[in-house]
Each structure stands twice: as structure tokens, then as C-alpha cells.
Amino acid sequence: MWHGGRPARLSRSPRASPSPRFRDEGLRAALEARERLPGLPVLVLSQYVEESYAAELLSGGARGVGYLLKDRVGCVDEFLDALERVARGGTALDPEVVTELMTGRAGSPLDALTPREREVLHLMAEGHDNTTIARTLVITERSVSKHVGNVFLKLGLPPSDSGHRRVLAVLAYLRHA
């Protein structure tokens, strides 16, 4: 593990089990690492979506966080892109993780969003920039910027929120979608 350009050392936690059972040890270790070293970029590769761990991992802020499903990481270049994004403080979330976090939540601020704004926010939650969102939705970057601005407005994220509105919008999406 690296933190601040140097290897980060985490001593073995007394809570850690003596031998791996291959269930949730990696997810628990990722959470503990972020707790001990706030801001530590963490990219989780998991066999399945564990909603409670994913929500907890994202609850501390979505900067430098990724959660990908092993069986859906089929291209080395896509994996390396996700790894670099997370290392730079961005996000990389598998669409299935986003879907799981959204299921069963109603009566949220997201209800005010149009279907297109929800699509844009969904792609933001996956960690995509405006250029990629525009290409994916086959619309202009200006349209994406307009939709992103509407999302910020409807979620009550004014420009004065020091540039972290994108992260705050994604967190709102994951909590309330």
C-alpha cells in the first residue's frame, strides 16, 4: 500500500482473523486502512457487491475510492485507468455497485432530477469525466455541463461548496438513489 508517495505500513489489527476465510477480509482491511490513513486511495476488487461495506467505504468521502467486481474487469487498460483515477483522488465504481447502492431507496432529493440528469449523475458516480459522459450519451460536452449544473442546483449544492460539488452529488446519488 502506498500513501503520499511512500509505502504505508499497517500493523496487523487485533480484530483481524488469524487466517483468511475469503469472505470479507479485503473489504474490512480497506475500511480499516482508510480509517487509519484518511484520504488513502483504495481500490477494492471484490467477487460480489457487499452493499454495507460499499456504503461505508464511500461514506468517508468519495475521493480516492474504487469498488470493482473481479469478473467484470475484463480489460487491463480499463483496470489501469480505474487504478490511476483512484490514485489521483477520483472514483471508479462498477455499474453493478452503483445499482446495488441505489436499490430500494425512495423519497430522496434525486426525485427532482430528470431521467437525463439521472443518467449523467449515474455516469459521474462511475467516475467518468464530462468528455466521457458526452461520448457515452452521444451529446455535447456543453449539454453534459448543463445537466451537471442542474444536478448541483436540484441537490442544493451551490457554487460556494469549494469545488467538491461533483463528489457531494455522487455521494447524494449513492445515498438516496
Foldseek 3Di string as FASTA:
>chain_A
DDDPNHDDDDDDDPPQDPDDPQDCNQLVVLLVVCVVPPPPQDAAEAQDADLVSVLSNCVSFQFRYEYHYPVPPDDPVVVVVQNVQSNVGFYAYDLVNLVVLAPPFDDALCVPADPVLLLLLSVLLRGDDLVVSCVVVVHDSVVSVVSLVVLCVSNVNDPVPVPCSSRVSSSSSSNHD
